[in-house]
Amino acid sequence: MKNVFFTTVVALFISSVSYAGCMKSEIKQLDTKLNDSNISKEKKAEVSKLRDIVAKNEHSDSELAFQSYEKALRILGEI
């Protein structure tokens, strides 16, 4: 019984740690595309603001983070 409980706790811990930073690659992707893009300063500022929203909300409000990520990609012309 103790082994099952211990195994469950360890599995939950490992899964929560591996889930952290789930949008790290998306944030890096936005940074790269923003630096490489030839869009106006206003649009770059908007994408930068959306990138900050993604970074701030990736754990607390993942739906808002993902919507902001998609909107930034649309501005960059990626989708």
PDB file of N, CA and C in Angstrom:
ATOM      1  N   MET A   1       0.823  -1.193   0.000  1.00  0.00           N
ATOM      2  CA  MET A   1       0.000   0.000   0.000  1.00  0.00           C
ATOM      3  C   MET A   1       0.870   1.261   0.000  1.00  0.00           C
ATOM      4  N   LYS A   2       1.934   1.232   0.813  1.00  0.00           N
ATOM      5  CA  LYS A   2       2.820   2.391   0.874  1.00  0.00           C
ATOM      6  C   LYS A   2       3.538   2.593  -0.458  1.00  0.00           C
ATOM      7  N   ASN A   3       3.904   1.484  -1.093  1.00  0.00           N
ATOM      8  CA  ASN A   3       4.588   1.584  -2.377  1.00  0.00           C
ATOM      9  C   ASN A   3       3.703   2.205  -3.444  1.00  0.00           C
ATOM     10  N   VAL A   4       2.432   1.839  -3.456  1.00  0.00           N
ATOM     11  CA  VAL A   4       1.494   2.383  -4.434  1.00  0.00           C
ATOM     12  C   VAL A   4       1.333   3.892  -4.200  1.00  0.00           C
ATOM     13  N   PHE A   5       1.179   4.292  -2.950  1.00  0.00           N
ATOM     14  CA  PHE A   5       1.038   5.700  -2.617  1.00  0.00           C
ATOM     15  C   PHE A   5       2.299   6.482  -3.014  1.00  0.00           C
ATOM     16  N   PHE A   6       3.445   5.955  -2.661  1.00  0.00           N
ATOM     17  CA  PHE A   6       4.710   6.605  -2.981  1.00  0.00           C
ATOM     18  C   PHE A   6       4.894   6.727  -4.494  1.00  0.00           C
ATOM     19  N   THR A   7       4.595   5.684  -5.221  1.00  0.00           N
ATOM     20  CA  THR A   7       4.719   5.683  -6.674  1.00  0.00           C
ATOM     21  C   THR A   7       3.783   6.718  -7.293  1.00  0.00           C
ATOM     22  N   THR A   8       2.579   6.812  -6.778  1.00  0.00           N
ATOM     23  CA  THR A   8       1.611   7.785  -7.276  1.00  0.00           C
ATOM     24  C   THR A   8       2.093   9.210  -7.037  1.00  0.00           C
ATOM     25  N   VAL A   9       2.587   9.479  -5.854  1.00  0.00           N
ATOM     26  CA  VAL A   9       3.082  10.813  -5.528  1.00  0.00           C
ATOM     27  C   VAL A   9       4.269  11.181  -6.418  1.00  0.00           C
ATOM     28  N   VAL A  10       5.185  10.271  -6.597  1.00  0.00           N
ATOM     29  CA  VAL A  10       6.350  10.532  -7.446  1.00  0.00           C
ATOM     30  C   VAL A  10       5.917  10.757  -8.894  1.00  0.00           C
ATOM     31  N   ALA A  11       4.990   9.970  -9.379  1.00  0.00           N
ATOM     32  CA  ALA A  11       4.503  10.125 -10.753  1.00  0.00           C
ATOM     33  C   ALA A  11       3.819  11.476 -10.947  1.00  0.00           C
ATOM     34  N   LEU A  12       3.027  11.891  -9.977  1.00  0.00           N
ATOM     35  CA  LEU A  12       2.381  13.198 -10.062  1.00  0.00           C
ATOM     36  C   LEU A  12       3.402  14.325 -10.061  1.00  0.00           C
ATOM     37  N   PHE A  13       4.412  14.196  -9.233  1.00  0.00           N
ATOM     38  CA  PHE A  13       5.448  15.215  -9.167  1.00  0.00           C
ATOM     39  C   PHE A  13       6.198  15.317 -10.495  1.00  0.00           C
ATOM     40  N   ILE A  14       6.567  14.195 -11.040  1.00  0.00           N
ATOM     41  CA  ILE A  14       7.307  14.182 -12.307  1.00  0.00           C
ATOM     42  C   ILE A  14       6.452  14.750 -13.435  1.00  0.00           C
ATOM     43  N   SER A  15       5.183  14.404 -13.464  1.00  0.00           N
ATOM     44  CA  SER A  15       4.330  14.926 -14.532  1.00  0.00           C
ATOM     45  C   SER A  15       4.110  16.423 -14.386  1.00  0.00           C
ATOM     46  N   SER A  16       4.035  16.931 -13.164  1.00  0.00           N
ATOM     47  CA  SER A  16       3.853  18.369 -12.987  1.00  0.00           C
ATOM     48  C   SER A  16       5.113  19.133 -13.355  1.00  0.00           C
ATOM     49  N   VAL A  17       6.269  18.578 -13.082  1.00  0.00           N
ATOM     50  CA  VAL A  17       7.529  19.227 -13.431  1.00  0.00           C
ATOM     51  C   VAL A  17       7.728  19.224 -14.937  1.00  0.00           C
ATOM     52  N   SER A  18       7.389  18.154 -15.586  1.00  0.00           N
ATOM     53  CA  SER A  18       7.575  18.079 -17.031  1.00  0.00           C
ATOM     54  C   SER A  18       6.576  18.961 -17.768  1.00  0.00           C
ATOM     55  N   TYR A  19       5.436  19.277 -17.157  1.00  0.00           N
ATOM     56  CA  TYR A  19       4.436  20.140 -17.773  1.00  0.00           C
ATOM     57  C   TYR A  19       4.829  21.607 -17.662  1.00  0.00           C
ATOM     58  N   ALA A  20       5.609  21.956 -16.654  1.00  0.00           N
ATOM     59  CA  ALA A  20       6.016  23.347 -16.454  1.00  0.00           C
ATOM     60  C   ALA A  20       6.802  23.829 -17.656  1.00  0.00           C
ATOM     61  N   GLY A  21       6.544  25.059 -18.038  1.00  0.00           N
ATOM     62  CA  GLY A  21       7.222  25.617 -19.192  1.00  0.00           C
ATOM     63  C   GLY A  21       6.686  25.092 -20.496  1.00  0.00           C
ATOM     64  N   CYS A  22       5.404  24.761 -20.529  1.00  0.00           N
ATOM     65  CA  CYS A  22       4.831  24.110 -21.693  1.00  0.00           C
ATOM     66  C   CYS A  22       4.848  24.985 -22.943  1.00  0.00           C
ATOM     67  N   MET A  23       4.946  26.309 -22.788  1.00  0.00           N
ATOM     68  CA  MET A  23       4.955  27.185 -23.956  1.00  0.00           C
ATOM     69  C   MET A  23       6.326  27.810 -24.178  1.00  0.00           C
ATOM     70  N   LYS A  24       7.328  27.226 -23.577  1.00  0.00           N
ATOM     71  CA  LYS A  24       8.682  27.770 -23.715  1.00  0.00           C
ATOM     72  C   LYS A  24       9.112  27.793 -25.174  1.00  0.00           C
ATOM     73  N   SER A  25       8.854  26.730 -25.899  1.00  0.00           N
ATOM     74  CA  SER A  25       9.277  26.689 -27.307  1.00  0.00           C
ATOM     75  C   SER A  25       8.474  27.676 -28.152  1.00  0.00           C
ATOM     76  N   GLU A  26       7.209  27.874 -27.819  1.00  0.00           N
ATOM     77  CA  GLU A  26       6.387  28.833 -28.550  1.00  0.00           C
ATOM     78  C   GLU A  26       6.882  30.259 -28.316  1.00  0.00           C
ATOM     79  N   ILE A  27       7.299  30.555 -27.083  1.00  0.00           N
ATOM     80  CA  ILE A  27       7.823  31.883 -26.770  1.00  0.00           C
ATOM     81  C   ILE A  27       9.121  32.120 -27.520  1.00  0.00           C
ATOM     82  N   LYS A  28       9.983  31.119 -27.557  1.00  0.00           N
ATOM     83  CA  LYS A  28      11.236  31.245 -28.318  1.00  0.00           C
ATOM     84  C   LYS A  28      10.947  31.415 -29.806  1.00  0.00           C
ATOM     85  N   GLN A  29       9.944  30.709 -30.285  1.00  0.00           N
ATOM     86  CA  GLN A  29       9.567  30.819 -31.690  1.00  0.00           C
ATOM     87  C   GLN A  29       9.103  32.240 -32.005  1.00  0.00           C
ATOM     88  N   LEU A  30       8.280  32.824 -31.127  1.00  0.00           N
ATOM     89  CA  LEU A  30       7.836  34.201 -31.335  1.00  0.00           C
ATOM     90  C   LEU A  30       9.019  35.165 -31.325  1.00  0.00           C
ATOM     91  N   ASP A  31       9.955  34.962 -30.412  1.00  0.00           N
ATOM     92  CA  ASP A  31      11.136  35.821 -30.348  1.00  0.00           C
ATOM     93  C   ASP A  31      11.920  35.760 -31.659  1.00  0.00           C
ATOM     94  N   THR A  32      12.133  34.566 -32.151  1.00  0.00           N
ATOM     95  CA  THR A  32      12.897  34.379 -33.389  1.00  0.00           C
ATOM     96  C   THR A  32      12.183  35.012 -34.566  1.00  0.00           C
ATOM     97  N   LYS A  33      10.899  34.737 -34.697  1.00  0.00           N
ATOM     98  CA  LYS A  33      10.136  35.276 -35.828  1.00  0.00           C
ATOM     99  C   LYS A  33      10.029  36.797 -35.742  1.00  0.00           C
ATOM    100  N   LEU A  34       9.922  37.320 -34.528  1.00  0.00           N
ATOM    101  CA  LEU A  34       9.846  38.767 -34.351  1.00  0.00           C
ATOM    102  C   LEU A  34      11.143  39.438 -34.777  1.00  0.00           C
ATOM    103  N   ASN A  35      12.264  38.847 -34.425  1.00  0.00           N
ATOM    104  CA  ASN A  35      13.563  39.407 -34.807  1.00  0.00           C
ATOM    105  C   ASN A  35      13.830  39.300 -36.307  1.00  0.00           C
ATOM    106  N   ASP A  36      13.290  38.264 -36.936  1.00  0.00           N
ATOM    107  CA  ASP A  36      13.540  38.028 -38.360  1.00  0.00           C
ATOM    108  C   ASP A  36      12.506  38.676 -39.279  1.00  0.00           C
ATOM    109  N   SER A  37      11.451  39.236 -38.716  1.00  0.00           N
ATOM    110  CA  SER A  37      10.362  39.747 -39.553  1.00  0.00           C
ATOM    111  C   SER A  37      10.649  41.165 -40.055  1.00  0.00           C
ATOM    112  N   ASN A  38       9.958  41.508 -41.121  1.00  0.00           N
ATOM    113  CA  ASN A  38      10.074  42.842 -41.715  1.00  0.00           C
ATOM    114  C   ASN A  38       8.762  43.605 -41.588  1.00  0.00           C
ATOM    115  N   ILE A  39       8.091  43.483 -40.453  1.00  0.00           N
ATOM    116  CA  ILE A  39       6.829  44.171 -40.251  1.00  0.00           C
ATOM    117  C   ILE A  39       7.088  45.535 -39.624  1.00  0.00           C
ATOM    118  N   SER A  40       6.049  46.358 -39.585  1.00  0.00           N
ATOM    119  CA  SER A  40       6.189  47.714 -39.056  1.00  0.00           C
ATOM    120  C   SER A  40       6.487  47.702 -37.557  1.00  0.00           C
ATOM    121  N   LYS A  41       6.977  48.841 -37.073  1.00  0.00           N
ATOM    122  CA  LYS A  41       7.295  48.959 -35.646  1.00  0.00           C
ATOM    123  C   LYS A  41       6.051  48.775 -34.785  1.00  0.00           C
ATOM    124  N   GLU A  42       4.915  49.269 -35.268  1.00  0.00           N
ATOM    125  CA  GLU A  42       3.664  49.142 -34.515  1.00  0.00           C
ATOM    126  C   GLU A  42       3.265  47.673 -34.361  1.00  0.00           C
ATOM    127  N   LYS A  43       3.387  46.931 -35.456  1.00  0.00           N
ATOM    128  CA  LYS A  43       3.044  45.505 -35.396  1.00  0.00           C
ATOM    129  C   LYS A  43       4.047  44.735 -34.544  1.00  0.00           C
ATOM    130  N   LYS A  44       5.322  45.114 -34.625  1.00  0.00           N
ATOM    131  CA  LYS A  44       6.320  44.473 -33.769  1.00  0.00           C
ATOM    132  C   LYS A  44       6.011  44.732 -32.300  1.00  0.00           C
ATOM    133  N   ALA A  45       5.576  45.936 -31.992  1.00  0.00           N
ATOM    134  CA  ALA A  45       5.217  46.268 -30.613  1.00  0.00           C
ATOM    135  C   ALA A  45       4.013  45.446 -30.155  1.00  0.00           C
ATOM    136  N   GLU A  46       3.040  45.265 -31.048  1.00  0.00           N
ATOM    137  CA  GLU A  46       1.867  44.461 -30.708  1.00  0.00           C
ATOM    138  C   GLU A  46       2.237  42.998 -30.497  1.00  0.00           C
ATOM    139  N   VAL A  47       3.086  42.461 -31.360  1.00  0.00           N
ATOM    140  CA  VAL A  47       3.536  41.071 -31.205  1.00  0.00           C
ATOM    141  C   VAL A  47       4.327  40.919 -29.911  1.00  0.00           C
ATOM    142  N   SER A  48       5.145  41.885 -29.594  1.00  0.00           N
ATOM    143  CA  SER A  48       5.919  41.846 -28.360  1.00  0.00           C
ATOM    144  C   SER A  48       5.004  41.855 -27.136  1.00  0.00           C
ATOM    145  N   LYS A  49       3.956  42.657 -27.201  1.00  0.00           N
ATOM    146  CA  LYS A  49       2.974  42.703 -26.109  1.00  0.00           C
ATOM    147  C   LYS A  49       2.265  41.353 -25.974  1.00  0.00           C
ATOM    148  N   LEU A  50       1.883  40.764 -27.101  1.00  0.00           N
ATOM    149  CA  LEU A  50       1.229  39.450 -27.076  1.00  0.00           C
ATOM    150  C   LEU A  50       2.178  38.380 -26.553  1.00  0.00           C
ATOM    151  N   ARG A  51       3.454  38.469 -26.906  1.00  0.00           N
ATOM    152  CA  ARG A  51       4.451  37.527 -26.405  1.00  0.00           C
ATOM    153  C   ARG A  51       4.562  37.615 -24.890  1.00  0.00           C
ATOM    154  N   ASP A  52       4.512  38.841 -24.363  1.00  0.00           N
ATOM    155  CA  ASP A  52       4.551  39.018 -22.912  1.00  0.00           C
ATOM    156  C   ASP A  52       3.321  38.414 -22.235  1.00  0.00           C
ATOM    157  N   ILE A  53       2.167  38.536 -22.898  1.00  0.00           N
ATOM    158  CA  ILE A  53       0.937  37.932 -22.361  1.00  0.00           C
ATOM    159  C   ILE A  53       1.075  36.411 -22.328  1.00  0.00           C
ATOM    160  N   VAL A  54       1.650  35.847 -23.379  1.00  0.00           N
ATOM    161  CA  VAL A  54       1.869  34.392 -23.429  1.00  0.00           C
ATOM    162  C   VAL A  54       2.761  33.964 -22.269  1.00  0.00           C
ATOM    163  N   ALA A  55       3.881  34.668 -22.091  1.00  0.00           N
ATOM    164  CA  ALA A  55       4.827  34.304 -21.041  1.00  0.00           C
ATOM    165  C   ALA A  55       4.210  34.447 -19.651  1.00  0.00           C
ATOM    166  N   LYS A  56       3.422  35.479 -19.458  1.00  0.00           N
ATOM    167  CA  LYS A  56       2.829  35.736 -18.143  1.00  0.00           C
ATOM    168  C   LYS A  56       1.733  34.727 -17.792  1.00  0.00           C
ATOM    169  N   ASN A  57       1.001  34.268 -18.800  1.00  0.00           N
ATOM    170  CA  ASN A  57      -0.181  33.443 -18.545  1.00  0.00           C
ATOM    171  C   ASN A  57      -0.042  31.980 -18.939  1.00  0.00           C
ATOM    172  N   GLU A  58       1.160  31.527 -19.286  1.00  0.00           N
ATOM    173  CA  GLU A  58       1.286  30.153 -19.766  1.00  0.00           C
ATOM    174  C   GLU A  58       0.858  29.110 -18.737  1.00  0.00           C
ATOM    175  N   HIS A  59       0.934  29.444 -17.453  1.00  0.00           N
ATOM    176  CA  HIS A  59       0.529  28.489 -16.414  1.00  0.00           C
ATOM    177  C   HIS A  59      -0.806  28.872 -15.773  1.00  0.00           C
ATOM    178  N   SER A  60      -1.049  30.154 -15.606  1.00  0.00           N
ATOM    179  CA  SER A  60      -2.252  30.575 -14.895  1.00  0.00           C
ATOM    180  C   SER A  60      -3.489  30.599 -15.788  1.00  0.00           C
ATOM    181  N   ASP A  61      -3.339  30.962 -17.061  1.00  0.00           N
ATOM    182  CA  ASP A  61      -4.479  31.027 -17.980  1.00  0.00           C
ATOM    183  C   ASP A  61      -4.007  30.569 -19.358  1.00  0.00           C
ATOM    184  N   SER A  62      -3.896  29.278 -19.514  1.00  0.00           N
ATOM    185  CA  SER A  62      -3.328  28.719 -20.744  1.00  0.00           C
ATOM    186  C   SER A  62      -4.164  29.033 -21.974  1.00  0.00           C
ATOM    187  N   GLU A  63      -5.470  29.184 -21.810  1.00  0.00           N
ATOM    188  CA  GLU A  63      -6.321  29.506 -22.961  1.00  0.00           C
ATOM    189  C   GLU A  63      -5.987  30.907 -23.491  1.00  0.00           C
ATOM    190  N   LEU A  64      -5.858  31.877 -22.602  1.00  0.00           N
ATOM    191  CA  LEU A  64      -5.476  33.228 -23.004  1.00  0.00           C
ATOM    192  C   LEU A  64      -4.085  33.227 -23.625  1.00  0.00           C
ATOM    193  N   ALA A  65      -3.180  32.466 -23.050  1.00  0.00           N
ATOM    194  CA  ALA A  65      -1.820  32.390 -23.579  1.00  0.00           C
ATOM    195  C   ALA A  65      -1.826  31.836 -24.996  1.00  0.00           C
ATOM    196  N   PHE A  66      -2.581  30.777 -25.228  1.00  0.00           N
ATOM    197  CA  PHE A  66      -2.618  30.171 -26.557  1.00  0.00           C
ATOM    198  C   PHE A  66      -3.290  31.096 -27.566  1.00  0.00           C
ATOM    199  N   GLN A  67      -4.360  31.786 -27.160  1.00  0.00           N
ATOM    200  CA  GLN A  67      -5.023  32.732 -28.056  1.00  0.00           C
ATOM    201  C   GLN A  67      -4.077  33.874 -28.429  1.00  0.00           C
ATOM    202  N   SER A  68      -3.322  34.350 -27.465  1.00  0.00           N
ATOM    203  CA  SER A  68      -2.367  35.422 -27.716  1.00  0.00           C
ATOM    204  C   SER A  68      -1.260  34.947 -28.652  1.00  0.00           C
ATOM    205  N   TYR A  69      -0.820  33.722 -28.458  1.00  0.00           N
ATOM    206  CA  TYR A  69       0.199  33.122 -29.329  1.00  0.00           C
ATOM    207  C   TYR A  69      -0.300  33.043 -30.770  1.00  0.00           C
ATOM    208  N   GLU A  70      -1.523  32.572 -30.953  1.00  0.00           N
ATOM    209  CA  GLU A  70      -2.092  32.472 -32.304  1.00  0.00           C
ATOM    210  C   GLU A  70      -2.259  33.840 -32.946  1.00  0.00           C
ATOM    211  N   LYS A  71      -2.699  34.818 -32.172  1.00  0.00           N
ATOM    212  CA  LYS A  71      -2.868  36.167 -32.701  1.00  0.00           C
ATOM    213  C   LYS A  71      -1.514  36.744 -33.125  1.00  0.00           C
ATOM    214  N   ALA A  72      -0.488  36.498 -32.336  1.00  0.00           N
ATOM    215  CA  ALA A  72       0.856  36.971 -32.690  1.00  0.00           C
ATOM    216  C   ALA A  72       1.329  36.320 -33.986  1.00  0.00           C
ATOM    217  N   LEU A  73       1.068  35.043 -34.158  1.00  0.00           N
ATOM    218  CA  LEU A  73       1.456  34.355 -35.388  1.00  0.00           C
ATOM    219  C   LEU A  73       0.697  34.918 -36.597  1.00  0.00           C
ATOM    220  N   ARG A  74      -0.579  35.258 -36.394  1.00  0.00           N
ATOM    221  CA  ARG A  74      -1.336  35.856 -37.491  1.00  0.00           C
ATOM    222  C   ARG A  74      -0.733  37.190 -37.907  1.00  0.00           C
ATOM    223  N   ILE A  75      -0.347  37.993 -36.928  1.00  0.00           N
ATOM    224  CA  ILE A  75       0.259  39.289 -37.241  1.00  0.00           C
ATOM    225  C   ILE A  75       1.576  39.087 -37.989  1.00  0.00           C
ATOM    226  N   LEU A  76       2.319  38.091 -37.570  1.00  0.00           N
ATOM    227  CA  LEU A  76       3.593  37.796 -38.229  1.00  0.00           C
ATOM    228  C   LEU A  76       3.417  37.130 -39.593  1.00  0.00           C
ATOM    229  N   GLY A  77       2.169  36.778 -39.923  1.00  0.00           N
ATOM    230  CA  GLY A  77       1.882  36.158 -41.209  1.00  0.00           C
ATOM    231  C   GLY A  77       2.212  34.685 -41.260  1.00  0.00           C
ATOM    232  N   GLU A  78       2.267  34.031 -40.107  1.00  0.00           N
ATOM    233  CA  GLU A  78       2.622  32.613 -40.062  1.00  0.00           C
ATOM    234  C   GLU A  78       1.422  31.692 -40.152  1.00  0.00           C
ATOM    235  N   ILE A  79       0.230  32.192 -39.829  1.00  0.00           N
ATOM    236  CA  ILE A  79      -0.978  31.360 -39.986  1.00  0.00           C
ATOM    237  C   ILE A  79      -2.087  32.186 -40.588  1.00  0.00           C
TER     238      ILE A  79
END
